[in-house]
Amino acid sequence: MKTRIHQVPATTNNITLGVINYLNSNGFVIFRVNNTGVYDPIAQTFRKKAKNELGVCDIIGCSPRGFFIGIEIKNKFTKDKISKDQLVFHDRIKKAQGQIIIIREYHEIETWYRDYGQWL
């Protein structure tokens, strides 16, 4: 009997969910940030975000030893690029001694964890 391997498409959503599940299973407290705009049906437009909300990472959380991490998901199969607001947010986190990780493929989180994450 042949074993069938079901390969999940490398959508940004699938990568994001995989990263969250992987880190949560390794003792991190991780959650997804809703970065999409909120539509206001009365004004018939999207509400603007506050200045301090611009560029927030797709995933944020805390390591088992209390280090803050921000994770940006940029699927290598899409044309998604890091924005200027995201770079500013990344700099703020780094200055506060937090970790910023940019993930383009799921396996990169496993490599990061093996090399760095298990020590945080």
Protein backbone atom coordinates (compact mmCIF):
# COMPACT_ATOMS: atom_id res chain seq x y z
CA MET A 1 0.00 0.00 0.00
CA LYS A 2 1.36 3.40 -0.98
CA THR A 3 1.46 6.21 1.54
CA ARG A 4 0.03 9.43 0.19
CA ILE A 5 1.63 12.66 1.24
CA HIS A 6 -0.68 15.63 1.32
CA GLN A 7 1.25 18.80 0.67
CA VAL A 8 -0.34 21.96 2.00
CA PRO A 9 -0.06 24.99 -0.32
CA ALA A 10 2.43 27.62 0.81
CA THR A 11 -0.13 30.37 1.30
CA THR A 12 0.72 33.22 3.63
CA ASN A 13 -2.10 32.10 5.93
CA ASN A 14 -0.77 28.53 6.08
CA ILE A 15 2.77 29.75 6.83
CA THR A 16 1.42 32.04 9.56
CA LEU A 17 -0.64 29.28 11.20
CA GLY A 18 2.31 26.88 11.00
CA VAL A 19 4.66 29.36 12.68
CA ILE A 20 2.14 30.05 15.46
CA ASN A 21 1.54 26.35 16.11
CA TYR A 22 5.25 25.50 16.02
CA LEU A 23 6.28 28.19 18.50
CA ASN A 24 3.31 27.61 20.82
CA SER A 25 4.21 23.91 20.93
CA ASN A 26 7.75 24.91 21.97
CA GLY A 27 6.67 26.95 25.00
CA PHE A 28 6.31 30.40 23.42
CA VAL A 29 3.19 32.53 23.93
CA ILE A 30 2.40 33.59 20.39
CA PHE A 31 -0.61 35.21 18.75
CA ARG A 32 -1.63 36.69 15.45
CA VAL A 33 -2.23 40.41 15.08
CA ASN A 34 -5.17 41.56 12.98
CA ASN A 35 -3.48 44.01 10.62
CA THR A 36 -6.31 44.40 8.16
CA GLY A 37 -8.24 47.62 7.92
CA VAL A 38 -11.67 47.94 9.52
CA TYR A 39 -14.41 49.07 7.17
CA ASP A 40 -16.79 51.74 8.49
CA PRO A 41 -20.11 51.28 6.64
CA ILE A 42 -21.44 54.66 7.77
CA ALA A 43 -18.47 56.62 6.43
CA GLN A 44 -18.07 54.05 3.60
CA THR A 45 -14.32 53.95 4.06
CA PHE A 46 -11.66 52.09 5.97
CA ARG A 47 -10.70 53.53 9.36
CA LYS A 48 -7.16 54.81 9.68
CA LYS A 49 -4.88 53.16 12.19
CA ALA A 50 -3.28 55.10 15.01
CA LYS A 51 0.36 56.11 14.38
CA ASN A 52 1.68 53.65 16.96
CA GLU A 53 -0.20 50.77 15.25
CA LEU A 54 1.44 51.20 11.85
CA GLY A 55 3.86 48.46 10.86
CA VAL A 56 3.01 46.04 13.68
CA CYS A 57 4.24 42.51 12.93
CA ASP A 58 1.89 39.76 11.75
CA ILE A 59 2.72 37.66 14.82
CA ILE A 60 3.89 38.84 18.23
CA GLY A 61 4.66 37.01 21.41
CA CYS A 62 7.00 36.08 24.20
CA SER A 63 9.65 33.38 24.53
CA PRO A 64 9.64 30.94 27.48
CA ARG A 65 12.29 33.13 29.16
CA GLY A 66 10.42 36.40 28.63
CA PHE A 67 11.93 37.82 25.44
CA PHE A 68 9.58 39.70 23.10
CA ILE A 69 9.50 38.51 19.50
CA GLY A 70 7.84 39.98 16.45
CA ILE A 71 7.47 37.85 13.35
CA GLU A 72 6.83 39.21 9.88
CA ILE A 73 5.45 36.76 7.31
CA LYS A 74 6.50 37.58 3.75
CA ASN A 75 5.61 34.65 1.50
CA LYS A 76 8.38 34.10 -1.05
CA PHE A 77 5.76 33.23 -3.70
CA THR A 78 4.00 36.60 -3.47
CA LYS A 79 5.24 40.11 -4.14
CA ASP A 80 4.74 41.11 -0.50
CA LYS A 81 7.52 43.43 0.66
CA ILE A 82 8.39 45.01 4.00
CA SER A 83 6.97 48.53 4.22
CA LYS A 84 8.65 51.62 5.64
CA ASP A 85 6.24 51.54 8.60
CA GLN A 86 7.24 47.94 9.29
CA LEU A 87 10.94 48.86 9.23
CA VAL A 88 10.27 51.64 11.75
CA PHE A 89 8.38 49.19 14.00
CA HIS A 90 11.21 46.64 13.68
CA ASP A 91 13.74 49.29 14.76
CA ARG A 92 11.62 50.18 17.81
CA ILE A 93 11.50 46.52 18.87
CA LYS A 94 15.23 46.00 18.34
CA LYS A 95 16.04 49.11 20.41
CA ALA A 96 13.95 47.62 23.22
CA GLN A 97 16.04 44.39 22.99
CA GLY A 98 13.25 42.43 21.29
CA GLN A 99 13.72 39.96 18.45
CA ILE A 100 12.41 40.46 14.91
CA ILE A 101 12.14 37.48 12.60
CA ILE A 102 11.20 37.58 8.92
CA ILE A 103 9.80 34.30 7.61
CA ARG A 104 9.38 33.60 3.89
CA GLU A 105 8.93 29.82 4.07
CA TYR A 106 7.71 27.60 6.90
CA HIS A 107 10.99 25.71 7.36
CA GLU A 108 12.75 28.99 8.26
CA ILE A 109 11.05 29.04 11.68
CA GLU A 110 12.43 25.58 12.45
CA THR A 111 15.93 26.73 11.46
CA TRP A 112 15.59 29.92 13.51
CA TYR A 113 14.39 27.96 16.54
CA ARG A 114 17.25 25.46 16.30
CA ASP A 115 19.86 28.24 15.92
CA TYR A 116 18.46 30.95 18.25
CA GLY A 117 14.94 30.42 19.57
CA GLN A 118 15.66 27.60 21.96
CA TRP A 119 18.02 29.93 23.87
CA LEU A 120 15.51 32.80 24.30
